[in-house]
Amino acid sequence: MQTIRILSLSYLAYFAVLGAFVPYIAMFLDHRGLNSEQIGTLLALVTGMRIIGPNLWGLLAARRNDPIGVMRLGAMLATLGWCTTLVDYGYWALLLGLAVYSLCWTAILPQLESAAFYFLHNDTARYSKVRSGGSVGYILLVVGCGILLEHFGAVALPLAALLFLLLMLLCLWQLPRYQPQPADNTTTPLRFRTLWQHRSFVAFMAAAFLLQVSFAPFYSFFTLYCRDLGYSGTGTGLLIALAVSAEIIAFYFAGRIIGERSLSRVLVYCYLLTALRWLLTGWFGAQPLVLAGSMLLHAFSFAIAHSCAMQFIQQFFQGAERGRGQALYAGLIYGGGGAIGAYLAGQSWQDGGGAAFTFSWAALCCVRAAGLVARLPKQIQLSSIR
């Protein structure tokens, strides 16, 4: 029982750090005097660490057969990298420090997920309850940092994140070490080139990539956008918390929503609703009720779309190949799509002057993504092209 509580607290600490970093890092960088092009470039590099990080740390964990030890090492190095935000040593020192933080932070979540299923004996119902601690942590810091921002300014953000980084370290040193069972080597290894010969796989991945690109203006500049529109820090935090709350509810009902429906059809709806969301955000963001309504669409933009993506991976990859499929998806979509999107958003944002244009091209990305998935078959398997 003690281990279960530590796992839940670990998820809370992990996503609390993201609750301070993801929505507010652009505002912090703006406070440091960076322009939108520099912010976009820095965030592109930081996001790009998610392409290579999970595979590097996963390889280390496999060779050492010590997931807990790898998490501890990654968390320590990430904390050291984050400490560069506490003192202003200039742009390049900040870029290097955040790159180290981002690269090492990727060591934690994949191994934490693996540890959770190990200690919970693959009980998905118990896992869902433990994992919900992450959503609580994210909302806690999103709202809390909004209040801190309003009263103390952007200087308080690094300290808030550092507090939960230290909590993360404390939790990881309380988790008992374990050695996973060796992987099943009976499955024929998947040849990488085979994937890109499958039209449905390419269409799905391209669409998911475009969706993640479209999220970049929101992740990179939303808090600055709200500030420019006159929203308070508390108000901005509550808007983001509203989106995360909609996400939590949507995850709970995702199974019923998707049901026996075609993944293609559900994804088309998700992508088109996301396009609507970005248009409402970019052109009507000054109207609080419209902006709040657009945040509720996060239920489809992320929760339902992500659930469909996970089901696609489960259909497409079989048995032991699913782990590699998840790693490929995470690195290429969240890392690659996020990095390219952050760079493009930085180029077009123009310190807020190009906000409407930026959210407009994000909406077009989603429309194109909807077209790509419109003809995906209901059942997709790699075995058909082996």
Protein backbone atom coordinates (compact mmCIF):
# COMPACT_ATOMS: atom_id res chain seq x y z
CA MET A 1 0.00 0.00 0.00
CA GLN A 2 2.88 2.35 0.80
CA THR A 3 4.34 1.77 -2.67
CA ILE A 4 0.98 2.57 -4.28
CA ARG A 5 0.78 5.90 -2.46
CA ILE A 6 4.33 6.73 -3.54
CA LEU A 7 3.47 5.91 -7.15
CA SER A 8 0.44 8.20 -7.04
CA LEU A 9 2.52 10.98 -5.48
CA SER A 10 5.19 10.45 -8.15
CA TYR A 11 2.64 10.98 -10.90
CA LEU A 12 1.37 14.08 -9.08
CA ALA A 13 4.90 15.54 -8.85
CA TYR A 14 5.78 14.67 -12.46
CA PHE A 15 2.73 16.29 -14.01
CA ALA A 16 2.82 19.20 -11.56
CA VAL A 17 6.21 20.14 -13.02
CA LEU A 18 4.67 19.99 -16.48
CA GLY A 19 1.80 22.15 -15.21
CA ALA A 20 4.34 24.86 -14.42
CA PHE A 21 6.52 24.30 -17.49
CA VAL A 22 4.18 23.75 -20.44
CA PRO A 23 1.70 26.63 -20.04
CA TYR A 24 3.99 29.22 -18.49
CA ILE A 25 7.50 28.71 -19.85
CA ALA A 26 6.89 31.14 -22.72
CA MET A 27 5.81 33.82 -20.25
CA PHE A 28 8.94 33.18 -18.19
CA LEU A 29 11.15 33.41 -21.28
CA ASP A 30 9.40 36.62 -22.30
CA HIS A 31 10.14 37.96 -18.81
CA ARG A 32 13.81 37.16 -19.44
CA GLY A 33 13.70 39.41 -22.52
CA LEU A 34 13.51 36.80 -25.30
CA ASN A 35 11.52 37.63 -28.43
CA SER A 36 9.02 35.24 -30.01
CA GLU A 37 11.54 33.90 -32.54
CA GLN A 38 14.03 33.05 -29.77
CA ILE A 39 11.25 31.50 -27.67
CA GLY A 40 10.10 29.36 -30.58
CA THR A 41 13.64 28.20 -31.36
CA LEU A 42 14.36 27.34 -27.71
CA LEU A 43 11.08 25.47 -27.30
CA ALA A 44 11.69 23.61 -30.57
CA LEU A 45 15.05 22.39 -29.25
CA VAL A 46 13.60 21.48 -25.86
CA THR A 47 10.70 19.64 -27.47
CA GLY A 48 13.06 17.92 -29.88
CA MET A 49 14.75 16.21 -26.93
CA ARG A 50 11.58 14.10 -26.71
CA ILE A 51 12.51 12.48 -30.02
CA ILE A 52 15.75 10.91 -28.85
CA GLY A 53 15.38 10.93 -25.06
CA PRO A 54 12.90 8.08 -24.46
CA ASN A 55 14.82 5.62 -26.65
CA LEU A 56 18.19 6.49 -25.09
CA TRP A 57 16.95 6.13 -21.53
CA GLY A 58 14.94 3.04 -22.44
CA LEU A 59 18.08 1.41 -23.84
CA LEU A 60 19.98 2.27 -20.65
CA ALA A 61 17.18 0.86 -18.48
CA ALA A 62 17.15 -2.35 -20.53
CA ARG A 63 20.91 -2.82 -20.32
CA ARG A 64 21.10 -2.11 -16.59
CA ASN A 65 17.76 -3.84 -15.90
CA ASP A 66 17.14 -1.12 -13.31
CA PRO A 67 14.21 1.20 -14.20
CA ILE A 68 14.15 2.85 -10.76
CA GLY A 69 17.87 3.65 -10.92
CA VAL A 70 17.48 5.17 -14.40
CA MET A 71 14.59 7.34 -13.18
CA ARG A 72 16.65 8.54 -10.23
CA LEU A 73 19.59 9.46 -12.47
CA GLY A 74 17.34 11.24 -14.97
CA ALA A 75 15.51 13.17 -12.25
CA MET A 76 18.78 14.33 -10.65
CA LEU A 77 20.21 15.58 -13.95
CA ALA A 78 16.89 17.19 -14.91
CA THR A 79 16.83 19.07 -11.61
CA LEU A 80 20.37 20.33 -12.18
CA GLY A 81 19.40 21.49 -15.66
CA TRP A 82 16.33 23.26 -14.32
CA CYS A 83 18.43 25.15 -11.77
CA THR A 84 19.84 27.24 -14.64
CA THR A 85 16.47 29.03 -14.72
CA LEU A 86 16.99 30.40 -11.21
CA VAL A 87 19.75 32.85 -12.22
CA ASP A 88 19.96 34.82 -15.45
CA TYR A 89 23.20 33.83 -17.19
CA GLY A 90 21.93 34.74 -20.65
CA TYR A 91 20.18 33.03 -23.55
CA TRP A 92 22.69 30.29 -24.32
CA ALA A 93 23.06 29.15 -20.72
CA LEU A 94 19.27 29.00 -20.44
CA LEU A 95 18.99 27.06 -23.71
CA LEU A 96 21.61 24.54 -22.59
CA GLY A 97 20.08 24.12 -19.15
CA LEU A 98 16.55 23.58 -20.47
CA ALA A 99 17.83 21.16 -23.12
CA VAL A 100 19.50 19.09 -20.37
CA TYR A 101 16.33 19.27 -18.28
CA SER A 102 14.13 18.15 -21.17
CA LEU A 103 16.43 15.33 -22.29
CA CYS A 104 16.78 13.92 -18.77
CA TRP A 105 13.13 14.44 -17.87
CA THR A 106 12.22 11.94 -20.60
CA ALA A 107 13.88 9.24 -18.48
CA ILE A 108 11.05 9.30 -15.97
CA LEU A 109 7.59 8.75 -17.44
CA PRO A 110 8.18 5.60 -19.56
CA GLN A 111 9.93 3.88 -16.65
CA LEU A 112 7.35 5.16 -14.17
CA GLU A 113 4.58 3.65 -16.29
CA SER A 114 6.47 0.37 -16.41
CA ALA A 115 7.01 0.42 -12.64
CA ALA A 116 3.36 1.19 -11.99
CA PHE A 117 2.16 -1.82 -13.95
CA TYR A 118 4.79 -3.99 -12.27
CA PHE A 119 3.81 -3.01 -8.72
CA LEU A 120 0.08 -3.07 -9.58
CA HIS A 121 0.38 -6.52 -11.20
CA ASN A 122 -1.01 -5.20 -14.51
CA ASP A 123 -4.30 -4.19 -12.87
CA THR A 124 -5.51 -1.46 -15.24
CA ALA A 125 -8.37 -0.40 -12.94
CA ARG A 126 -5.96 0.32 -10.08
CA TYR A 127 -3.55 1.93 -12.53
CA SER A 128 -6.21 4.43 -13.66
CA LYS A 129 -6.75 5.52 -10.06
CA VAL A 130 -3.02 5.87 -9.42
CA ARG A 131 -2.48 7.70 -12.73
CA SER A 132 -5.21 10.22 -11.89
CA GLY A 133 -2.76 11.74 -9.41
CA GLY A 134 -0.99 13.20 -12.43
CA SER A 135 -4.07 15.12 -13.55
CA VAL A 136 -4.51 16.47 -10.03
CA GLY A 137 -0.89 17.64 -9.99
CA TYR A 138 -1.20 19.32 -13.37
CA ILE A 139 -4.32 21.25 -12.42
CA LEU A 140 -2.79 22.16 -9.06
CA LEU A 141 0.23 23.83 -10.66
CA VAL A 142 -1.64 25.35 -13.59
CA VAL A 143 -3.97 27.21 -11.24
CA GLY A 144 -1.32 27.79 -8.56
CA CYS A 145 1.22 29.24 -10.99
CA GLY A 146 -1.46 31.48 -12.45
CA ILE A 147 -2.03 32.94 -8.99
CA LEU A 148 1.73 33.22 -8.33
CA LEU A 149 2.20 34.91 -11.68
CA GLU A 150 -0.45 37.49 -10.86
CA HIS A 151 0.99 38.35 -7.45
CA PHE A 152 4.75 37.79 -7.79
CA GLY A 153 5.46 37.79 -11.50
CA ALA A 154 7.24 35.25 -13.70
CA VAL A 155 10.19 35.01 -11.30
CA ALA A 156 8.13 32.68 -9.08
CA LEU A 157 7.61 30.02 -11.78
CA PRO A 158 11.06 28.32 -11.61
CA LEU A 159 10.80 28.05 -7.82
CA ALA A 160 7.34 26.47 -8.00
CA ALA A 161 8.56 23.85 -10.47
CA LEU A 162 11.73 23.22 -8.45
CA LEU A 163 9.64 22.41 -5.37
CA PHE A 164 7.93 19.56 -7.21
CA LEU A 165 11.16 18.43 -8.86
CA LEU A 166 12.52 17.89 -5.36
CA LEU A 167 9.31 16.07 -4.41
CA MET A 168 9.84 13.86 -7.47
CA LEU A 169 13.35 13.00 -6.29
CA LEU A 170 12.07 12.20 -2.81
CA CYS A 171 9.39 9.89 -4.22
CA LEU A 172 11.81 8.04 -6.50
CA TRP A 173 14.14 7.33 -3.60
CA GLN A 174 11.21 5.80 -1.72
CA LEU A 175 10.25 3.43 -4.53
CA PRO A 176 11.80 -0.03 -4.11
CA ARG A 177 14.14 -1.24 -6.84
CA TYR A 178 13.03 -4.18 -8.99
CA GLN A 179 14.23 -6.10 -12.04
CA PRO A 180 11.75 -6.61 -14.89
CA GLN A 181 11.38 -10.02 -16.46
CA PRO A 182 13.36 -10.46 -19.69
CA ALA A 183 11.43 -9.57 -22.83
CA ASP A 184 9.91 -12.30 -24.99
CA ASN A 185 12.30 -12.86 -27.90
CA THR A 186 10.06 -15.23 -29.84
CA THR A 187 8.50 -12.49 -31.98
CA THR A 188 10.25 -11.69 -35.26
CA PRO A 189 11.83 -8.21 -34.98
CA LEU A 190 9.97 -5.50 -36.85
CA ARG A 191 11.84 -4.06 -39.81
CA PHE A 192 11.66 -0.27 -39.72
CA ARG A 193 11.33 0.14 -43.50
CA THR A 194 8.24 -2.07 -43.48
CA LEU A 195 6.25 0.56 -41.61
CA TRP A 196 6.52 3.18 -44.33
CA GLN A 197 5.23 0.78 -46.99
CA HIS A 198 1.83 0.70 -45.30
CA ARG A 199 -0.39 3.51 -46.59
CA SER A 200 -2.73 3.48 -43.62
CA PHE A 201 0.17 3.73 -41.19
CA VAL A 202 1.71 6.64 -43.10
CA ALA A 203 -1.66 8.45 -43.29
CA PHE A 204 -2.34 8.00 -39.59
CA MET A 205 1.13 9.11 -38.52
CA ALA A 206 1.08 12.12 -40.84
CA ALA A 207 -2.30 13.18 -39.46
CA ALA A 208 -1.18 12.74 -35.85
CA PHE A 209 1.98 14.69 -36.68
CA LEU A 210 -0.05 17.59 -38.10
CA LEU A 211 -2.32 17.58 -35.05
CA GLN A 212 0.70 17.94 -32.77
CA VAL A 213 2.12 20.69 -34.97
CA SER A 214 -1.20 22.51 -34.57
CA PHE A 215 -0.92 22.37 -30.78
CA ALA A 216 2.39 24.28 -30.79
CA PRO A 217 0.91 27.83 -30.77
CA PHE A 218 -1.26 26.85 -27.79
CA TYR A 219 1.55 25.19 -25.85
CA SER A 220 4.12 27.86 -26.70
CA PHE A 221 2.24 31.14 -26.53
CA PHE A 222 -1.22 30.75 -24.99
CA THR A 223 -0.34 32.37 -21.66
CA LEU A 224 1.30 35.30 -23.43
CA TYR A 225 -1.73 35.54 -25.69
CA CYS A 226 -4.05 35.69 -22.70
CA ARG A 227 -1.89 38.33 -21.05
CA ASP A 228 -1.99 40.46 -24.18
CA LEU A 229 -5.78 40.13 -24.27
CA GLY A 230 -6.01 41.38 -20.68
CA TYR A 231 -6.69 38.15 -18.81
CA SER A 232 -5.22 37.84 -15.33
CA GLY A 233 -2.79 35.11 -14.37
CA THR A 234 -5.49 33.45 -12.26
CA GLY A 235 -7.96 33.64 -15.13
CA THR A 236 -5.46 32.07 -17.53
CA GLY A 237 -4.75 29.27 -15.08
CA LEU A 238 -8.46 28.57 -14.67
CA LEU A 239 -8.92 28.42 -18.46
CA ILE A 240 -6.17 25.81 -18.77
CA ALA A 241 -7.57 23.92 -15.77
CA LEU A 242 -10.95 23.90 -17.53
CA ALA A 243 -9.34 22.22 -20.54
CA VAL A 244 -7.62 19.60 -18.36
CA SER A 245 -10.89 18.95 -16.48
CA ALA A 246 -12.64 18.33 -19.81
CA GLU A 247 -9.78 16.00 -20.73
CA ILE A 248 -10.20 13.97 -17.53
CA ILE A 249 -13.95 13.55 -18.07
CA ALA A 250 -13.42 12.61 -21.72
CA PHE A 251 -10.84 9.98 -20.80
CA TYR A 252 -13.37 8.46 -18.39
CA PHE A 253 -15.99 8.13 -21.14
CA ALA A 254 -13.60 7.51 -24.04
CA GLY A 255 -14.46 3.81 -24.24
CA ARG A 256 -18.17 4.57 -24.64
CA ILE A 257 -17.54 7.39 -27.10
CA ILE A 258 -15.31 5.31 -29.35
CA GLY A 259 -17.14 2.01 -28.80
CA GLU A 260 -17.53 0.05 -32.00
CA ARG A 261 -17.31 3.19 -34.13
CA SER A 262 -14.73 3.52 -36.87
CA LEU A 263 -11.52 5.11 -35.62
CA SER A 264 -11.36 6.99 -38.89
CA ARG A 265 -14.73 8.66 -38.32
CA VAL A 266 -14.00 9.55 -34.70
CA LEU A 267 -10.61 11.01 -35.61
CA VAL A 268 -12.16 13.12 -38.38
CA TYR A 269 -14.57 14.64 -35.86
CA CYS A 270 -11.73 15.23 -33.39
CA TYR A 271 -9.52 16.95 -35.94
CA LEU A 272 -12.32 19.16 -37.30
CA LEU A 273 -13.37 20.17 -33.78
CA THR A 274 -9.74 21.00 -33.06
CA ALA A 275 -9.64 23.20 -36.17
CA LEU A 276 -12.73 24.98 -34.85
CA ARG A 277 -11.03 25.34 -31.48
CA TRP A 278 -7.99 27.10 -32.94
CA LEU A 279 -10.12 29.43 -35.05
CA LEU A 280 -12.20 30.42 -32.02
CA THR A 281 -9.03 30.94 -29.99
CA GLY A 282 -7.26 33.02 -32.62
CA TRP A 283 -10.15 35.20 -33.78
CA PHE A 284 -12.48 35.42 -30.77
CA GLY A 285 -10.08 34.97 -27.85
CA ALA A 286 -10.99 38.37 -26.42
CA GLN A 287 -14.48 37.08 -25.61
CA PRO A 288 -14.20 35.10 -22.34
CA LEU A 289 -17.18 32.80 -22.91
CA VAL A 290 -16.03 31.90 -26.42
CA LEU A 291 -12.49 31.22 -25.20
CA ALA A 292 -13.78 29.09 -22.33
CA GLY A 293 -15.95 27.14 -24.77
CA SER A 294 -12.95 26.53 -27.01
CA MET A 295 -11.06 25.09 -24.04
CA LEU A 296 -13.78 22.49 -23.53
CA LEU A 297 -12.97 21.17 -27.01
CA HIS A 298 -9.71 19.88 -25.49
CA ALA A 299 -11.81 16.83 -24.62
CA PHE A 300 -11.74 15.92 -28.33
CA SER A 301 -8.47 17.60 -29.35
CA PHE A 302 -6.47 15.52 -26.88
CA ALA A 303 -8.38 12.95 -24.83
CA ILE A 304 -10.51 11.29 -27.51
CA ALA A 305 -7.90 11.75 -30.24
CA HIS A 306 -5.21 10.26 -27.99
CA SER A 307 -7.46 7.32 -27.06
CA CYS A 308 -8.05 6.62 -30.75
CA ALA A 309 -4.31 6.80 -31.40
CA MET A 310 -3.59 4.27 -28.67
CA GLN A 311 -6.24 1.94 -30.07
CA PHE A 312 -4.70 2.33 -33.53
CA ILE A 313 -1.28 1.33 -32.15
CA GLN A 314 -2.86 -1.69 -30.44
CA GLN A 315 -4.45 -2.78 -33.74
CA PHE A 316 -1.46 -2.06 -35.93
CA PHE A 317 1.29 -3.58 -33.78
CA GLN A 318 1.07 -7.04 -32.33
CA GLY A 319 2.44 -8.58 -29.13
CA ALA A 320 5.97 -7.54 -28.26
CA GLU A 321 6.00 -5.02 -31.13
CA ARG A 322 3.61 -2.73 -29.28
CA GLY A 323 6.31 -1.31 -27.06
CA ARG A 324 8.32 -0.24 -30.06
CA GLY A 325 5.19 1.17 -31.65
CA GLN A 326 4.49 3.32 -28.59
CA ALA A 327 8.08 4.58 -28.54
CA LEU A 328 7.98 5.42 -32.24
CA TYR A 329 4.68 7.24 -31.84
CA ALA A 330 5.84 9.24 -28.82
CA GLY A 331 9.15 10.27 -30.35
CA LEU A 332 7.98 11.12 -33.86
CA ILE A 333 4.63 12.72 -33.00
CA TYR A 334 5.18 14.46 -29.66
CA GLY A 335 8.87 15.11 -30.19
CA GLY A 336 9.08 15.80 -33.93
CA GLY A 337 5.66 17.38 -34.38
CA GLY A 338 6.01 19.47 -31.25
CA ALA A 339 9.50 20.69 -32.20
CA ILE A 340 8.60 21.70 -35.75
CA GLY A 341 5.36 23.30 -34.58
CA ALA A 342 7.16 25.31 -31.89
CA TYR A 343 9.69 26.59 -34.43
CA LEU A 344 7.00 27.57 -36.95
CA ALA A 345 4.90 29.23 -34.27
CA GLY A 346 7.92 31.21 -33.13
CA GLN A 347 8.43 32.48 -36.67
CA SER A 348 4.82 33.52 -37.26
CA TRP A 349 3.82 34.77 -33.80
CA GLN A 350 5.66 38.10 -34.18
CA ASP A 351 5.44 38.99 -30.48
CA GLY A 352 1.65 38.63 -30.59
CA GLY A 353 1.05 40.53 -33.82
CA GLY A 354 0.65 37.29 -35.77
CA ALA A 355 -1.53 35.45 -33.25
CA ALA A 356 -4.63 35.17 -35.45
CA PHE A 357 -2.55 34.04 -38.44
CA THR A 358 -0.69 31.48 -36.32
CA PHE A 359 -3.86 29.89 -34.95
CA SER A 360 -5.30 29.94 -38.48
CA TRP A 361 -2.49 27.85 -39.95
CA ALA A 362 -2.85 25.55 -36.94
CA ALA A 363 -6.52 25.08 -37.90
CA LEU A 364 -5.53 24.31 -41.49
CA CYS A 365 -3.16 21.61 -40.23
CA CYS A 366 -6.12 19.96 -38.50
CA VAL A 367 -8.31 20.16 -41.60
CA ARG A 368 -5.56 18.48 -43.60
CA ALA A 369 -5.18 15.84 -40.88
CA ALA A 370 -8.91 15.10 -41.09
CA GLY A 371 -8.56 14.52 -44.81
CA LEU A 372 -5.70 12.08 -44.27
CA VAL A 373 -7.59 9.85 -41.81
CA ALA A 374 -10.97 10.02 -43.56
CA ARG A 375 -10.38 6.77 -45.46
CA LEU A 376 -8.56 4.68 -42.88
CA PRO A 377 -9.93 1.12 -42.68
CA LYS A 378 -11.66 0.03 -39.48
CA GLN A 379 -9.12 -2.72 -38.71
CA ILE A 380 -5.45 -2.08 -39.44
CA GLN A 381 -2.75 -4.68 -38.97
CA LEU A 382 0.92 -4.77 -39.89
CA SER A 383 0.84 -8.51 -40.48
CA SER A 384 -0.80 -7.93 -43.87
CA ILE A 385 2.46 -6.53 -45.29
CA ARG A 386 5.09 -8.64 -43.50
